[in-house]
Amino acid sequence: MVQEWCPACTGGVRLGAFHCGRGLRQSRKSRTAAQTNFLYNLEGRYQQTLEGRALTHINPLGTPLRRGVKMVLGSDNLPIGPLYGVYVAVTRKAESGTAHAREEEDVSRMAALAMYTREAAYLSFDEDNRGTITPGKFADLVVLDRNLLTVPEEEILATRVDLTLVDGKVLYRR
């Protein structure tokens, strides 16, 4: 599969891999979207269907990043959102409190935030307009009630959104 995708990764085409296996994640030319928040609330389902390394290393981040793969995080697992994805990316902990392959697959808080912002904007060809707080870009951002880079891990999930701006317009205020 990697051999088929890699030639297509040239000429301005940016590919995302969704629900793909290990081979594509090993390709430096790929960008891979992961749903780390699945680990948080679907751990029981994973335990019923997976075992061994397949279970403990579900939705890996650290290994692909070390191999040069650009990772993007998403949050299509309702009702939980991006803060759960950040929490799992950083702690590798499921709702049970079990940490899955933390030493190998966790990432820094800054890396997790970049995967939701800068890296996601690049994957969708929006890096000139979105993804970072930079003059001239759309003001798409959230203001949180605490600093995700410094709070204790266990407080990440208690974080609340105070304000949401999209294109500079307030869409939500707590």
Foldseek 3Di string as FASTA:
>chain_A
DCVVCVVVLDDPAADEDDPDDDPNLLDLSHEYEFALLCCAEVLVVLVVPDDDPCNLQPRAAQVSVVSNHHYAYAHPDPPDGLLSVLLCLAQVQYNVRDRRPNVRGHDASVSSLQNHAQSVCVSVVNNQATRDPDPPHFPFDWDKPDDSNDDPSVCSVVIDTQFGDTSRDTPDGD
